[in-house]
PDB file of N, CA and C in Angstrom:
ATOM      1  N   MET A   1       0.848  -1.165   0.000  1.00  0.00           N
ATOM      2  CA  MET A   1       0.000   0.000   0.000  1.00  0.00           C
ATOM      3  C   MET A   1       0.903   1.240   0.000  1.00  0.00           C
ATOM      4  N   LEU A   2       0.603   2.177  -0.871  1.00  0.00           N
ATOM      5  CA  LEU A   2       1.352   3.427  -0.922  1.00  0.00           C
ATOM      6  C   LEU A   2       0.713   4.440   0.020  1.00  0.00           C
ATOM      7  N   VAL A   3       1.517   4.994   0.900  1.00  0.00           N
ATOM      8  CA  VAL A   3       1.054   5.986   1.874  1.00  0.00           C
ATOM      9  C   VAL A   3       1.875   7.257   1.668  1.00  0.00           C
ATOM     10  N   THR A   4       1.193   8.397   1.629  1.00  0.00           N
ATOM     11  CA  THR A   4       1.855   9.686   1.463  1.00  0.00           C
ATOM     12  C   THR A   4       1.713  10.490   2.742  1.00  0.00           C
ATOM     13  N   VAL A   5       2.817  11.088   3.181  1.00  0.00           N
ATOM     14  CA  VAL A   5       2.806  11.964   4.357  1.00  0.00           C
ATOM     15  C   VAL A   5       3.214  13.358   3.898  1.00  0.00           C
ATOM     16  N   ASN A   6       2.322  14.323   4.059  1.00  0.00           N
ATOM     17  CA  ASN A   6       2.613  15.717   3.762  1.00  0.00           C
ATOM     18  C   ASN A   6       2.967  16.422   5.065  1.00  0.00           C
ATOM     19  N   ILE A   7       4.115  17.105   5.067  1.00  0.00           N
ATOM     20  CA  ILE A   7       4.615  17.755   6.277  1.00  0.00           C
ATOM     21  C   ILE A   7       4.811  19.234   5.987  1.00  0.00           C
ATOM     22  N   SER A   8       4.271  20.080   6.859  1.00  0.00           N
ATOM     23  CA  SER A   8       4.423  21.531   6.691  1.00  0.00           C
ATOM     24  C   SER A   8       4.636  22.178   8.051  1.00  0.00           C
ATOM     25  N   LEU A   9       5.190  23.378   8.015  1.00  0.00           N
ATOM     26  CA  LEU A   9       5.406  24.109   9.261  1.00  0.00           C
ATOM     27  C   LEU A   9       4.076  24.556   9.846  1.00  0.00           C
ATOM     28  N   LYS A  10       3.981  24.556  11.154  1.00  0.00           N
ATOM     29  CA  LYS A  10       2.771  25.032  11.827  1.00  0.00           C
ATOM     30  C   LYS A  10       2.619  26.528  11.592  1.00  0.00           C
ATOM     31  N   ASN A  11       1.370  27.005  11.671  1.00  0.00           N
ATOM     32  CA  ASN A  11       1.111  28.441  11.562  1.00  0.00           C
ATOM     33  C   ASN A  11       1.884  29.168  12.650  1.00  0.00           C
ATOM     34  N   GLY A  12       2.502  30.266  12.270  1.00  0.00           N
ATOM     35  CA  GLY A  12       3.261  31.064  13.220  1.00  0.00           C
ATOM     36  C   GLY A  12       4.747  30.739  13.258  1.00  0.00           C
ATOM     37  N   VAL A  13       5.151  29.614  12.665  1.00  0.00           N
ATOM     38  CA  VAL A  13       6.566  29.257  12.609  1.00  0.00           C
ATOM     39  C   VAL A  13       7.171  29.931  11.383  1.00  0.00           C
ATOM     40  N   LEU A  14       8.291  30.621  11.580  1.00  0.00           N
ATOM     41  CA  LEU A  14       8.942  31.305  10.466  1.00  0.00           C
ATOM     42  C   LEU A  14       9.381  30.308   9.410  1.00  0.00           C
ATOM     43  N   ASP A  15       9.216  30.703   8.133  1.00  0.00           N
ATOM     44  CA  ASP A  15       9.566  29.848   7.002  1.00  0.00           C
ATOM     45  C   ASP A  15      10.558  30.589   6.109  1.00  0.00           C
ATOM     46  N   PRO A  16      11.846  30.614   6.485  1.00  0.00           N
ATOM     47  CA  PRO A  16      12.821  31.369   5.697  1.00  0.00           C
ATOM     48  C   PRO A  16      12.975  30.848   4.270  1.00  0.00           C
ATOM     49  N   GLN A  17      12.805  29.552   4.069  1.00  0.00           N
ATOM     50  CA  GLN A  17      12.910  29.000   2.720  1.00  0.00           C
ATOM     51  C   GLN A  17      11.752  29.496   1.852  1.00  0.00           C
ATOM     52  N   GLY A  18      10.572  29.535   2.409  1.00  0.00           N
ATOM     53  CA  GLY A  18       9.414  30.054   1.690  1.00  0.00           C
ATOM     54  C   GLY A  18       9.595  31.524   1.330  1.00  0.00           C
ATOM     55  N   LYS A  19      10.112  32.307   2.269  1.00  0.00           N
ATOM     56  CA  LYS A  19      10.346  33.739   2.012  1.00  0.00           C
ATOM     57  C   LYS A  19      11.397  33.941   0.925  1.00  0.00           C
ATOM     58  N   THR A  20      12.434  33.102   0.917  1.00  0.00           N
ATOM     59  CA  THR A  20      13.471  33.195  -0.109  1.00  0.00           C
ATOM     60  C   THR A  20      12.887  32.896  -1.488  1.00  0.00           C
ATOM     61  N   ILE A  21      12.038  31.883  -1.569  1.00  0.00           N
ATOM     62  CA  ILE A  21      11.386  31.548  -2.831  1.00  0.00           C
ATOM     63  C   ILE A  21      10.496  32.696  -3.285  1.00  0.00           C
ATOM     64  N   GLN A  22       9.749  33.283  -2.356  1.00  0.00           N
ATOM     65  CA  GLN A  22       8.868  34.410  -2.687  1.00  0.00           C
ATOM     66  C   GLN A  22       9.679  35.584  -3.241  1.00  0.00           C
ATOM     67  N   LYS A  23      10.793  35.914  -2.598  1.00  0.00           N
ATOM     68  CA  LYS A  23      11.639  37.012  -3.073  1.00  0.00           C
ATOM     69  C   LYS A  23      12.195  36.718  -4.465  1.00  0.00           C
ATOM     70  N   ALA A  24      12.603  35.466  -4.687  1.00  0.00           N
ATOM     71  CA  ALA A  24      13.127  35.090  -5.999  1.00  0.00           C
ATOM     72  C   ALA A  24      12.048  35.207  -7.072  1.00  0.00           C
ATOM     73  N   LEU A  25      10.848  34.785  -6.747  1.00  0.00           N
ATOM     74  CA  LEU A  25       9.743  34.909  -7.699  1.00  0.00           C
ATOM     75  C   LEU A  25       9.465  36.379  -8.018  1.00  0.00           C
ATOM     76  N   HIS A  26       9.488  37.220  -6.984  1.00  0.00           N
ATOM     77  CA  HIS A  26       9.269  38.661  -7.210  1.00  0.00           C
ATOM     78  C   HIS A  26      10.372  39.245  -8.089  1.00  0.00           C
ATOM     79  N   SER A  27      11.615  38.785  -7.898  1.00  0.00           N
ATOM     80  CA  SER A  27      12.713  39.297  -8.719  1.00  0.00           C
ATOM     81  C   SER A  27      12.562  38.882 -10.185  1.00  0.00           C
ATOM     82  N   LEU A  28      11.790  37.833 -10.420  1.00  0.00           N
ATOM     83  CA  LEU A  28      11.504  37.381 -11.788  1.00  0.00           C
ATOM     84  C   LEU A  28      10.181  37.931 -12.307  1.00  0.00           C
ATOM     85  N   ASN A  29       9.677  38.958 -11.618  1.00  0.00           N
ATOM     86  CA  ASN A  29       8.441  39.664 -11.993  1.00  0.00           C
ATOM     87  C   ASN A  29       7.161  38.846 -11.811  1.00  0.00           C
ATOM     88  N   PHE A  30       7.187  37.873 -10.922  1.00  0.00           N
ATOM     89  CA  PHE A  30       5.964  37.174 -10.534  1.00  0.00           C
ATOM     90  C   PHE A  30       5.413  37.867  -9.286  1.00  0.00           C
ATOM     91  N   ASP A  31       4.977  39.111  -9.482  1.00  0.00           N
ATOM     92  CA  ASP A  31       4.580  39.972  -8.369  1.00  0.00           C
ATOM     93  C   ASP A  31       3.237  39.608  -7.740  1.00  0.00           C
ATOM     94  N   LYS A  32       2.470  38.791  -8.395  1.00  0.00           N
ATOM     95  CA  LYS A  32       1.152  38.434  -7.856  1.00  0.00           C
ATOM     96  C   LYS A  32       1.245  37.400  -6.730  1.00  0.00           C
ATOM     97  N   VAL A  33       2.412  36.813  -6.533  1.00  0.00           N
ATOM     98  CA  VAL A  33       2.605  35.846  -5.451  1.00  0.00           C
ATOM     99  C   VAL A  33       2.665  36.618  -4.137  1.00  0.00           C
ATOM    100  N   THR A  34       1.745  36.327  -3.238  1.00  0.00           N
ATOM    101  CA  THR A  34       1.677  37.061  -1.971  1.00  0.00           C
ATOM    102  C   THR A  34       2.285  36.298  -0.802  1.00  0.00           C
ATOM    103  N   ASP A  35       2.425  34.971  -0.925  1.00  0.00           N
ATOM    104  CA  ASP A  35       3.016  34.190   0.157  1.00  0.00           C
ATOM    105  C   ASP A  35       3.451  32.838  -0.396  1.00  0.00           C
ATOM    106  N   VAL A  36       4.504  32.280   0.167  1.00  0.00           N
ATOM    107  CA  VAL A  36       4.990  30.956  -0.215  1.00  0.00           C
ATOM    108  C   VAL A  36       5.265  30.176   1.066  1.00  0.00           C
ATOM    109  N   LYS A  37       4.776  28.962   1.118  1.00  0.00           N
ATOM    110  CA  LYS A  37       5.052  28.051   2.230  1.00  0.00           C
ATOM    111  C   LYS A  37       5.759  26.831   1.656  1.00  0.00           C
ATOM    112  N   MET A  38       6.873  26.476   2.244  1.00  0.00           N
ATOM    113  CA  MET A  38       7.623  25.308   1.820  1.00  0.00           C
ATOM    114  C   MET A  38       7.143  24.113   2.626  1.00  0.00           C
ATOM    115  N   ALA A  39       6.999  22.968   1.968  1.00  0.00           N
ATOM    116  CA  ALA A  39       6.560  21.741   2.629  1.00  0.00           C
ATOM    117  C   ALA A  39       7.362  20.577   2.065  1.00  0.00           C
ATOM    118  N   LYS A  40       7.219  19.429   2.708  1.00  0.00           N
ATOM    119  CA  LYS A  40       7.871  18.229   2.181  1.00  0.00           C
ATOM    120  C   LYS A  40       6.870  17.088   2.144  1.00  0.00           C
ATOM    121  N   GLN A  41       7.167  16.125   1.295  1.00  0.00           N
ATOM    122  CA  GLN A  41       6.281  14.981   1.131  1.00  0.00           C
ATOM    123  C   GLN A  41       7.124  13.713   1.184  1.00  0.00           C
ATOM    124  N   ILE A  42       6.644  12.741   1.940  1.00  0.00           N
ATOM    125  CA  ILE A  42       7.315  11.450   2.045  1.00  0.00           C
ATOM    126  C   ILE A  42       6.336  10.387   1.556  1.00  0.00           C
ATOM    127  N   LYS A  43       6.787   9.541   0.637  1.00  0.00           N
ATOM    128  CA  LYS A  43       5.962   8.440   0.143  1.00  0.00           C
ATOM    129  C   LYS A  43       6.546   7.138   0.675  1.00  0.00           C
ATOM    130  N   LEU A  44       5.689   6.347   1.293  1.00  0.00           N
ATOM    131  CA  LEU A  44       6.104   5.081   1.901  1.00  0.00           C
ATOM    132  C   LEU A  44       5.332   3.931   1.270  1.00  0.00           C
ATOM    133  N   GLU A  45       6.021   2.902   0.890  1.00  0.00           N
ATOM    134  CA  GLU A  45       5.368   1.673   0.446  1.00  0.00           C
ATOM    135  C   GLU A  45       5.325   0.745   1.656  1.00  0.00           C
ATOM    136  N   ILE A  46       4.121   0.456   2.121  1.00  0.00           N
ATOM    137  CA  ILE A  46       3.919  -0.321   3.344  1.00  0.00           C
ATOM    138  C   ILE A  46       3.358  -1.700   2.979  1.00  0.00           C
ATOM    139  N   ASN A  47       3.926  -2.731   3.554  1.00  0.00           N
ATOM    140  CA  ASN A  47       3.449  -4.093   3.336  1.00  0.00           C
ATOM    141  C   ASN A  47       2.326  -4.379   4.339  1.00  0.00           C
ATOM    142  N   GLU A  48       1.178  -3.756   4.103  1.00  0.00           N
ATOM    143  CA  GLU A  48       0.013  -3.911   4.987  1.00  0.00           C
ATOM    144  C   GLU A  48      -1.240  -3.652   4.159  1.00  0.00           C
ATOM    145  N   LYS A  49      -2.181  -4.588   4.199  1.00  0.00           N
ATOM    146  CA  LYS A  49      -3.414  -4.448   3.417  1.00  0.00           C
ATOM    147  C   LYS A  49      -4.520  -3.727   4.194  1.00  0.00           C
ATOM    148  N   ASP A  50      -4.483  -3.816   5.512  1.00  0.00           N
ATOM    149  CA  ASP A  50      -5.503  -3.201   6.367  1.00  0.00           C
ATOM    150  C   ASP A  50      -5.198  -1.706   6.525  1.00  0.00           C
ATOM    151  N   LYS A  51      -6.121  -0.859   6.051  1.00  0.00           N
ATOM    152  CA  LYS A  51      -5.894   0.592   6.081  1.00  0.00           C
ATOM    153  C   LYS A  51      -5.756   1.123   7.503  1.00  0.00           C
ATOM    154  N   THR A  52      -6.527   0.585   8.429  1.00  0.00           N
ATOM    155  CA  THR A  52      -6.453   1.043   9.815  1.00  0.00           C
ATOM    156  C   THR A  52      -5.085   0.749  10.416  1.00  0.00           C
ATOM    157  N   LYS A  53      -4.571  -0.446  10.164  1.00  0.00           N
ATOM    158  CA  LYS A  53      -3.252  -0.817  10.679  1.00  0.00           C
ATOM    159  C   LYS A  53      -2.154   0.015  10.018  1.00  0.00           C
ATOM    160  N   ALA A  54      -2.284   0.242   8.706  1.00  0.00           N
ATOM    161  CA  ALA A  54      -1.297   1.052   7.982  1.00  0.00           C
ATOM    162  C   ALA A  54      -1.287   2.471   8.513  1.00  0.00           C
ATOM    163  N   LEU A  55      -2.456   3.035   8.734  1.00  0.00           N
ATOM    164  CA  LEU A  55      -2.564   4.393   9.263  1.00  0.00           C
ATOM    165  C   LEU A  55      -1.906   4.503  10.631  1.00  0.00           C
ATOM    166  N   GLU A  56      -2.160   3.548  11.486  1.00  0.00           N
ATOM    167  CA  GLU A  56      -1.569   3.549  12.829  1.00  0.00           C
ATOM    168  C   GLU A  56      -0.050   3.415  12.765  1.00  0.00           C
ATOM    169  N   LEU A  57       0.429   2.551  11.881  1.00  0.00           N
ATOM    170  CA  LEU A  57       1.863   2.346  11.714  1.00  0.00           C
ATOM    171  C   LEU A  57       2.553   3.635  11.240  1.00  0.00           C
ATOM    172  N   VAL A  58       1.979   4.280  10.237  1.00  0.00           N
ATOM    173  CA  VAL A  58       2.572   5.509   9.701  1.00  0.00           C
ATOM    174  C   VAL A  58       2.455   6.653  10.707  1.00  0.00           C
ATOM    175  N   LYS A  59       1.362   6.704  11.444  1.00  0.00           N
ATOM    176  CA  LYS A  59       1.231   7.725  12.488  1.00  0.00           C
ATOM    177  C   LYS A  59       2.350   7.576  13.516  1.00  0.00           C
ATOM    178  N   ASN A  60       2.642   6.357  13.913  1.00  0.00           N
ATOM    179  CA  ASN A  60       3.731   6.117  14.859  1.00  0.00           C
ATOM    180  C   ASN A  60       5.070   6.534  14.262  1.00  0.00           C
ATOM    181  N   MET A  61       5.292   6.249  12.977  1.00  0.00           N
ATOM    182  CA  MET A  61       6.525   6.665  12.310  1.00  0.00           C
ATOM    183  C   MET A  61       6.669   8.185  12.338  1.00  0.00           C
ATOM    184  N   CYS A  62       5.563   8.868  12.068  1.00  0.00           N
ATOM    185  CA  CYS A  62       5.583  10.335  12.063  1.00  0.00           C
ATOM    186  C   CYS A  62       5.916  10.884  13.440  1.00  0.00           C
ATOM    187  N   GLU A  63       5.263  10.349  14.454  1.00  0.00           N
ATOM    188  CA  GLU A  63       5.444  10.849  15.813  1.00  0.00           C
ATOM    189  C   GLU A  63       6.847  10.556  16.357  1.00  0.00           C
ATOM    190  N   GLU A  64       7.433   9.425  15.935  1.00  0.00           N
ATOM    191  CA  GLU A  64       8.728   9.024  16.474  1.00  0.00           C
ATOM    192  C   GLU A  64       9.927   9.518  15.671  1.00  0.00           C
ATOM    193  N   LEU A  65       9.760   9.738  14.344  1.00  0.00           N
ATOM    194  CA  LEU A  65      10.929  10.046  13.529  1.00  0.00           C
ATOM    195  C   LEU A  65      10.693  11.076  12.423  1.00  0.00           C
ATOM    196  N   LEU A  66       9.645  10.910  11.655  1.00  0.00           N
ATOM    197  CA  LEU A  66       9.514  11.670  10.413  1.00  0.00           C
ATOM    198  C   LEU A  66       9.158  13.143  10.592  1.00  0.00           C
ATOM    199  N   VAL A  67       8.484  13.481  11.683  1.00  0.00           N
ATOM    200  CA  VAL A  67       7.958  14.833  11.859  1.00  0.00           C
ATOM    201  C   VAL A  67       8.453  15.420  13.181  1.00  0.00           C
ATOM    202  N   ASN A  68       8.871  16.674  13.128  1.00  0.00           N
ATOM    203  CA  ASN A  68       9.170  17.408  14.359  1.00  0.00           C
ATOM    204  C   ASN A  68       7.859  18.046  14.805  1.00  0.00           C
ATOM    205  N   THR A  69       7.130  17.355  15.663  1.00  0.00           N
ATOM    206  CA  THR A  69       5.773  17.776  16.014  1.00  0.00           C
ATOM    207  C   THR A  69       5.722  19.083  16.807  1.00  0.00           C
ATOM    208  N   VAL A  70       6.856  19.574  17.252  1.00  0.00           N
ATOM    209  CA  VAL A  70       6.888  20.857  17.947  1.00  0.00           C
ATOM    210  C   VAL A  70       6.623  21.991  16.951  1.00  0.00           C
ATOM    211  N   ILE A  71       7.175  21.876  15.734  1.00  0.00           N
ATOM    212  CA  ILE A  71       7.056  22.973  14.759  1.00  0.00           C
ATOM    213  C   ILE A  71       6.378  22.552  13.461  1.00  0.00           C
ATOM    214  N   GLU A  72       6.060  21.258  13.304  1.00  0.00           N
ATOM    215  CA  GLU A  72       5.488  20.794  12.045  1.00  0.00           C
ATOM    216  C   GLU A  72       4.144  20.089  12.254  1.00  0.00           C
ATOM    217  N   ASP A  73       3.267  20.245  11.268  1.00  0.00           N
ATOM    218  CA  ASP A  73       2.020  19.495  11.182  1.00  0.00           C
ATOM    219  C   ASP A  73       2.192  18.455  10.084  1.00  0.00           C
ATOM    220  N   TYR A  74       1.392  17.402  10.129  1.00  0.00           N
ATOM    221  CA  TYR A  74       1.444  16.406   9.068  1.00  0.00           C
ATOM    222  C   TYR A  74       0.062  15.883   8.726  1.00  0.00           C
ATOM    223  N   GLU A  75      -0.023  15.370   7.514  1.00  0.00           N
ATOM    224  CA  GLU A  75      -1.263  14.783   7.000  1.00  0.00           C
ATOM    225  C   GLU A  75      -0.886  13.462   6.360  1.00  0.00           C
ATOM    226  N   ILE A  76      -1.643  12.407   6.666  1.00  0.00           N
ATOM    227  CA  ILE A  76      -1.387  11.081   6.102  1.00  0.00           C
ATOM    228  C   ILE A  76      -2.490  10.779   5.090  1.00  0.00           C
ATOM    229  N   LEU A  77      -2.063  10.431   3.873  1.00  0.00           N
ATOM    230  CA  LEU A  77      -2.991  10.079   2.796  1.00  0.00           C
ATOM    231  C   LEU A  77      -2.795   8.625   2.418  1.00  0.00           C
ATOM    232  N   LEU A  78      -3.868   7.834   2.498  1.00  0.00           N
ATOM    233  CA  LEU A  78      -3.794   6.412   2.120  1.00  0.00           C
ATOM    234  C   LEU A  78      -4.262   6.227   0.697  1.00  0.00           C
TER     235      LEU A  78
END
């Protein structure tokens, strides 16, 4: 089963990479861009057919290793 984890910074956490991208876009005359948020995506191939078990397994992975839950939010897509 393919599982996707989308990880982004929590609201209120500074995103210097996003700001750098926004400035670069403005320098290229893409002035209509008002904000940029940088995120990451992790795709996992899980050897599990039961969606509930897969979700629980990936949630544990996120909480223990994949996500810094102090400053990041995550979404799991099955």
